[in-house]
Amino acid sequence: MYKSLIRPLLFRLPPEKAHHFTFSLVKTIHKIPGVSAINSSFFMPKGKSNEVKLFGLTFPNRVGLAAGFDKDGKLFEELANYGF
């Protein structure tokens, strides 16, 4: 679905518009009751098998987020539900 539908639509938009559209979509979806809980239960790492120790820090999983993606912290809670 992503490769055949979503990606082609997003790539037709200028990068900044695609970024703002995605932010708005994530914000809107998370206003629906229960979506945050479902995302947390599905995406949050379970157990210590996914932990990564790097530079003296322990991270709960290997998933990272590009620097500057949410530079203003507008999606802090929403992205946390996805395991970031």
C-alpha atoms as a PDB file:
ATOM      1  CA  MET A   1       0.000   0.000   0.000  1.00  0.00           C
ATOM      2  CA  TYR A   2       2.818   2.415   0.854  1.00  0.00           C
ATOM      3  CA  LYS A   3       4.789   1.828  -2.361  1.00  0.00           C
ATOM      4  CA  SER A   4       1.792   1.733  -4.657  1.00  0.00           C
ATOM      5  CA  LEU A   5      -0.371   4.515  -3.209  1.00  0.00           C
ATOM      6  CA  ILE A   6       1.075   6.670  -0.423  1.00  0.00           C
ATOM      7  CA  ARG A   7       4.633   7.113  -1.677  1.00  0.00           C
ATOM      8  CA  PRO A   8       3.675   8.259  -5.190  1.00  0.00           C
ATOM      9  CA  LEU A   9       1.225  10.799  -3.729  1.00  0.00           C
ATOM     10  CA  LEU A  10       3.734  12.194  -1.241  1.00  0.00           C
ATOM     11  CA  PHE A  11       6.505  12.372  -3.846  1.00  0.00           C
ATOM     12  CA  ARG A  12       4.297  14.552  -6.084  1.00  0.00           C
ATOM     13  CA  LEU A  13       4.256  17.204  -3.365  1.00  0.00           C
ATOM     14  CA  PRO A  14       7.120  19.580  -2.642  1.00  0.00           C
ATOM     15  CA  PRO A  15       9.143  18.186   0.306  1.00  0.00           C
ATOM     16  CA  GLU A  16       8.039  20.857   2.777  1.00  0.00           C
ATOM     17  CA  LYS A  17       4.359  20.354   1.920  1.00  0.00           C
ATOM     18  CA  ALA A  18       4.710  16.567   2.247  1.00  0.00           C
ATOM     19  CA  HIS A  19       6.338  17.095   5.666  1.00  0.00           C
ATOM     20  CA  HIS A  20       3.529  19.380   6.893  1.00  0.00           C
ATOM     21  CA  PHE A  21       0.849  17.110   5.421  1.00  0.00           C
ATOM     22  CA  THR A  22       2.317  14.108   7.235  1.00  0.00           C
ATOM     23  CA  PHE A  23       2.495  16.050  10.510  1.00  0.00           C
ATOM     24  CA  SER A  24      -1.137  17.136  10.169  1.00  0.00           C
ATOM     25  CA  LEU A  25      -2.227  13.599   9.344  1.00  0.00           C
ATOM     26  CA  VAL A  26      -0.435  12.100  12.370  1.00  0.00           C
ATOM     27  CA  LYS A  27      -1.862  14.812  14.662  1.00  0.00           C
ATOM     28  CA  THR A  28      -5.385  14.234  13.334  1.00  0.00           C
ATOM     29  CA  ILE A  29      -5.228  10.444  13.577  1.00  0.00           C
ATOM     30  CA  HIS A  30      -4.066  10.630  17.191  1.00  0.00           C
ATOM     31  CA  LYS A  31      -7.108  12.705  18.154  1.00  0.00           C
ATOM     32  CA  ILE A  32      -9.254   9.610  17.620  1.00  0.00           C
ATOM     33  CA  PRO A  33      -9.817   7.945  21.013  1.00  0.00           C
ATOM     34  CA  GLY A  34      -7.818   4.752  21.433  1.00  0.00           C
ATOM     35  CA  VAL A  35      -5.378   5.273  18.550  1.00  0.00           C
ATOM     36  CA  SER A  36      -2.520   6.257  20.874  1.00  0.00           C
ATOM     37  CA  ALA A  37      -3.020   3.163  23.011  1.00  0.00           C
ATOM     38  CA  ILE A  38      -3.165   0.884  19.964  1.00  0.00           C
ATOM     39  CA  ASN A  39       0.009   2.391  18.492  1.00  0.00           C
ATOM     40  CA  SER A  40       1.841   2.117  21.803  1.00  0.00           C
ATOM     41  CA  SER A  41       0.912  -1.518  22.246  1.00  0.00           C
ATOM     42  CA  PHE A  42       1.854  -2.375  18.669  1.00  0.00           C
ATOM     43  CA  PHE A  43       5.071  -0.360  18.196  1.00  0.00           C
ATOM     44  CA  MET A  44       6.644  -0.101  21.655  1.00  0.00           C
ATOM     45  CA  PRO A  45       9.437  -2.605  22.274  1.00  0.00           C
ATOM     46  CA  LYS A  46       8.739  -5.409  24.696  1.00  0.00           C
ATOM     47  CA  GLY A  47      11.479  -6.984  26.761  1.00  0.00           C
ATOM     48  CA  LYS A  48      15.184  -6.320  26.901  1.00  0.00           C
ATOM     49  CA  SER A  49      16.059  -8.241  23.735  1.00  0.00           C
ATOM     50  CA  ASN A  50      15.702  -5.087  21.627  1.00  0.00           C
ATOM     51  CA  GLU A  51      17.858  -2.867  23.860  1.00  0.00           C
ATOM     52  CA  VAL A  52      20.944  -1.235  22.386  1.00  0.00           C
ATOM     53  CA  LYS A  53      23.810   0.203  24.440  1.00  0.00           C
ATOM     54  CA  LEU A  54      25.695   2.971  22.695  1.00  0.00           C
ATOM     55  CA  PHE A  55      27.962   5.722  24.023  1.00  0.00           C
ATOM     56  CA  GLY A  56      27.085   4.774  27.595  1.00  0.00           C
ATOM     57  CA  LEU A  57      23.363   5.124  26.969  1.00  0.00           C
ATOM     58  CA  THR A  58      20.756   2.381  26.804  1.00  0.00           C
ATOM     59  CA  PHE A  59      18.073   2.714  24.144  1.00  0.00           C
ATOM     60  CA  PRO A  60      14.903   0.579  24.253  1.00  0.00           C
ATOM     61  CA  ASN A  61      15.147  -0.293  20.531  1.00  0.00           C
ATOM     62  CA  ARG A  62      17.143   0.234  17.335  1.00  0.00           C
ATOM     63  CA  VAL A  63      14.646   2.617  15.773  1.00  0.00           C
ATOM     64  CA  GLY A  64      15.887   6.150  15.358  1.00  0.00           C
ATOM     65  CA  LEU A  65      14.507   9.380  14.026  1.00  0.00           C
ATOM     66  CA  ALA A  66      16.357  11.720  11.675  1.00  0.00           C
ATOM     67  CA  ALA A  67      17.659  14.869  13.319  1.00  0.00           C
ATOM     68  CA  GLY A  68      15.376  17.803  12.622  1.00  0.00           C
ATOM     69  CA  PHE A  69      12.328  15.730  11.682  1.00  0.00           C
ATOM     70  CA  ASP A  70      10.390  17.208  14.603  1.00  0.00           C
ATOM     71  CA  LYS A  71      12.690  20.090  15.460  1.00  0.00           C
ATOM     72  CA  ASP A  72       9.905  22.088  17.119  1.00  0.00           C
ATOM     73  CA  GLY A  73       8.594  19.167  19.187  1.00  0.00           C
ATOM     74  CA  LYS A  74       5.095  19.373  17.715  1.00  0.00           C
ATOM     75  CA  LEU A  75       4.663  15.574  17.574  1.00  0.00           C
ATOM     76  CA  PHE A  76       6.527  14.599  20.727  1.00  0.00           C
ATOM     77  CA  GLU A  77       3.746  12.465  22.222  1.00  0.00           C
ATOM     78  CA  GLU A  78       2.562  11.058  18.913  1.00  0.00           C
ATOM     79  CA  LEU A  79       6.041   9.929  17.832  1.00  0.00           C
ATOM     80  CA  ALA A  80       6.637   8.407  21.263  1.00  0.00           C
ATOM     81  CA  ASN A  81       3.670   6.116  20.553  1.00  0.00           C
ATOM     82  CA  TYR A  82       5.555   4.801  17.529  1.00  0.00           C
ATOM     83  CA  GLY A  83       8.595   3.914  19.625  1.00  0.00           C
ATOM     84  CA  PHE A  84      10.785   6.935  18.903  1.00  0.00           C
END
